[in-house]
Amino acid sequence: MSDVKQFSRRHVTAEAHFASQQAKEAKVQDWRDTMEQNAIERAQRSPAQQLALLDTRLGKGVGAKKERARLALEIESVTRGKVKKTKKGGKK
């Protein structure tokens, strides 16, 4: 065993520890920026465009069952000229 006392379980020095923390914070910030950009892009799509995107990503009618049902309801309400509110939340 070495007589060198480590700063933490993973890092020998404080510099290594703080460099690791900064790298993690940068990674999280990148993730947040990506999620924000995705939300902006999603808001610009119509329900029909979002449904088409789901079909290309997952396959026609595959996966995202609740999202597809919500989009179908929105498309139907737009074609009828009505705006129905969708129920948020799950079963109680």
C-alpha atoms as a PDB file:
ATOM      1  CA  MET A   1       0.000   0.000   0.000  1.00  0.00           C
ATOM      2  CA  SER A   2       1.103   3.506  -0.728  1.00  0.00           C
ATOM      3  CA  ASP A   3       1.551   6.101   2.002  1.00  0.00           C
ATOM      4  CA  VAL A   4       0.117   8.806  -0.280  1.00  0.00           C
ATOM      5  CA  LYS A   5      -3.184  10.093   1.000  1.00  0.00           C
ATOM      6  CA  GLN A   6      -5.750  10.454  -1.768  1.00  0.00           C
ATOM      7  CA  PHE A   7      -8.027  13.461  -2.092  1.00  0.00           C
ATOM      8  CA  SER A   8     -11.029  11.235  -2.775  1.00  0.00           C
ATOM      9  CA  ARG A   9     -11.704   7.605  -3.569  1.00  0.00           C
ATOM     10  CA  ARG A  10     -11.135   8.199  -7.273  1.00  0.00           C
ATOM     11  CA  HIS A  11      -8.697  11.092  -7.397  1.00  0.00           C
ATOM     12  CA  VAL A  12      -5.243  11.460  -5.933  1.00  0.00           C
ATOM     13  CA  THR A  13      -5.173  15.253  -6.059  1.00  0.00           C
ATOM     14  CA  ALA A  14      -7.686  18.041  -5.644  1.00  0.00           C
ATOM     15  CA  GLU A  15      -6.893  19.247  -9.171  1.00  0.00           C
ATOM     16  CA  ALA A  16      -7.881  15.897 -10.656  1.00  0.00           C
ATOM     17  CA  HIS A  17     -11.061  15.887  -8.582  1.00  0.00           C
ATOM     18  CA  PHE A  18     -12.132  19.386  -9.649  1.00  0.00           C
ATOM     19  CA  ALA A  19     -11.214  18.735 -13.290  1.00  0.00           C
ATOM     20  CA  SER A  20     -13.487  15.715 -13.196  1.00  0.00           C
ATOM     21  CA  GLN A  21     -16.292  17.775 -11.681  1.00  0.00           C
ATOM     22  CA  GLN A  22     -15.917  20.469 -14.354  1.00  0.00           C
ATOM     23  CA  ALA A  23     -16.015  17.858 -17.105  1.00  0.00           C
ATOM     24  CA  LYS A  24     -19.203  16.412 -15.629  1.00  0.00           C
ATOM     25  CA  GLU A  25     -20.818  19.862 -15.380  1.00  0.00           C
ATOM     26  CA  ALA A  26     -19.919  20.572 -19.017  1.00  0.00           C
ATOM     27  CA  LYS A  27     -21.463  17.260 -20.088  1.00  0.00           C
ATOM     28  CA  VAL A  28     -24.670  18.032 -18.173  1.00  0.00           C
ATOM     29  CA  GLN A  29     -24.843  21.511 -19.713  1.00  0.00           C
ATOM     30  CA  ASP A  30     -24.443  20.013 -23.202  1.00  0.00           C
ATOM     31  CA  TRP A  31     -27.287  17.608 -22.430  1.00  0.00           C
ATOM     32  CA  ARG A  32     -29.512  20.476 -21.229  1.00  0.00           C
ATOM     33  CA  ASP A  33     -28.757  22.492 -24.369  1.00  0.00           C
ATOM     34  CA  THR A  34     -29.642  19.502 -26.554  1.00  0.00           C
ATOM     35  CA  MET A  35     -32.897  18.909 -24.683  1.00  0.00           C
ATOM     36  CA  GLU A  36     -33.833  22.584 -24.987  1.00  0.00           C
ATOM     37  CA  GLN A  37     -33.145  22.517 -28.737  1.00  0.00           C
ATOM     38  CA  ASN A  38     -35.227  19.334 -29.118  1.00  0.00           C
ATOM     39  CA  ALA A  39     -38.130  20.966 -27.254  1.00  0.00           C
ATOM     40  CA  ILE A  40     -37.980  24.011 -29.539  1.00  0.00           C
ATOM     41  CA  GLU A  41     -37.946  21.813 -32.654  1.00  0.00           C
ATOM     42  CA  ARG A  42     -40.841  19.712 -31.326  1.00  0.00           C
ATOM     43  CA  ALA A  43     -42.934  22.818 -30.633  1.00  0.00           C
ATOM     44  CA  GLN A  44     -42.535  23.890 -34.265  1.00  0.00           C
ATOM     45  CA  ARG A  45     -43.852  20.586 -35.650  1.00  0.00           C
ATOM     46  CA  SER A  46     -47.518  19.942 -36.322  1.00  0.00           C
ATOM     47  CA  PRO A  47     -49.138  16.803 -34.880  1.00  0.00           C
ATOM     48  CA  ALA A  48     -49.063  15.172 -38.346  1.00  0.00           C
ATOM     49  CA  GLN A  49     -45.359  15.960 -38.746  1.00  0.00           C
ATOM     50  CA  GLN A  50     -44.620  14.555 -35.278  1.00  0.00           C
ATOM     51  CA  LEU A  51     -46.523  11.377 -36.100  1.00  0.00           C
ATOM     52  CA  ALA A  52     -44.578  11.006 -39.352  1.00  0.00           C
ATOM     53  CA  LEU A  53     -41.324  11.494 -37.441  1.00  0.00           C
ATOM     54  CA  LEU A  54     -42.297   8.766 -34.962  1.00  0.00           C
ATOM     55  CA  ASP A  55     -43.040   6.460 -37.892  1.00  0.00           C
ATOM     56  CA  THR A  56     -39.594   7.052 -39.406  1.00  0.00           C
ATOM     57  CA  ARG A  57     -37.774   6.650 -36.078  1.00  0.00           C
ATOM     58  CA  LEU A  58     -39.638   3.672 -34.625  1.00  0.00           C
ATOM     59  CA  GLY A  59     -41.484   2.140 -37.564  1.00  0.00           C
ATOM     60  CA  LYS A  60     -45.062   2.603 -38.686  1.00  0.00           C
ATOM     61  CA  GLY A  61     -47.363   2.116 -35.704  1.00  0.00           C
ATOM     62  CA  VAL A  62     -44.586   0.776 -33.472  1.00  0.00           C
ATOM     63  CA  GLY A  63     -44.033   2.119 -29.954  1.00  0.00           C
ATOM     64  CA  ALA A  64     -45.081   5.419 -28.334  1.00  0.00           C
ATOM     65  CA  LYS A  65     -48.647   4.197 -27.994  1.00  0.00           C
ATOM     66  CA  LYS A  66     -49.905   7.035 -25.782  1.00  0.00           C
ATOM     67  CA  GLU A  67     -48.101   9.711 -27.810  1.00  0.00           C
ATOM     68  CA  ARG A  68     -49.586   8.337 -31.038  1.00  0.00           C
ATOM     69  CA  ALA A  69     -53.083   8.319 -29.514  1.00  0.00           C
ATOM     70  CA  ARG A  70     -52.672  11.911 -28.316  1.00  0.00           C
ATOM     71  CA  LEU A  71     -51.410  13.020 -31.738  1.00  0.00           C
ATOM     72  CA  ALA A  72     -54.271  11.217 -33.517  1.00  0.00           C
ATOM     73  CA  LEU A  73     -56.770  12.984 -31.239  1.00  0.00           C
ATOM     74  CA  GLU A  74     -55.160  16.356 -31.992  1.00  0.00           C
ATOM     75  CA  ILE A  75     -55.190  15.683 -35.737  1.00  0.00           C
ATOM     76  CA  GLU A  76     -58.839  14.630 -35.579  1.00  0.00           C
ATOM     77  CA  SER A  77     -59.854  17.692 -33.583  1.00  0.00           C
ATOM     78  CA  VAL A  78     -58.048  19.986 -36.036  1.00  0.00           C
ATOM     79  CA  THR A  79     -59.781  18.384 -39.013  1.00  0.00           C
ATOM     80  CA  ARG A  80     -63.166  18.749 -37.331  1.00  0.00           C
ATOM     81  CA  GLY A  81     -62.419  22.350 -36.416  1.00  0.00           C
ATOM     82  CA  LYS A  82     -62.706  21.702 -32.696  1.00  0.00           C
ATOM     83  CA  VAL A  83     -59.974  21.965 -30.150  1.00  0.00           C
ATOM     84  CA  LYS A  84     -60.314  19.251 -27.559  1.00  0.00           C
ATOM     85  CA  LYS A  85     -58.251  19.353 -24.433  1.00  0.00           C
ATOM     86  CA  THR A  86     -56.304  16.214 -23.753  1.00  0.00           C
ATOM     87  CA  LYS A  87     -56.377  14.764 -20.294  1.00  0.00           C
ATOM     88  CA  LYS A  88     -53.037  14.935 -18.568  1.00  0.00           C
ATOM     89  CA  GLY A  89     -51.972  12.415 -16.006  1.00  0.00           C
ATOM     90  CA  GLY A  90     -52.554   8.745 -15.660  1.00  0.00           C
ATOM     91  CA  LYS A  91     -55.199   6.548 -14.164  1.00  0.00           C
ATOM     92  CA  LYS A  92     -56.085   7.148 -10.572  1.00  0.00           C
END
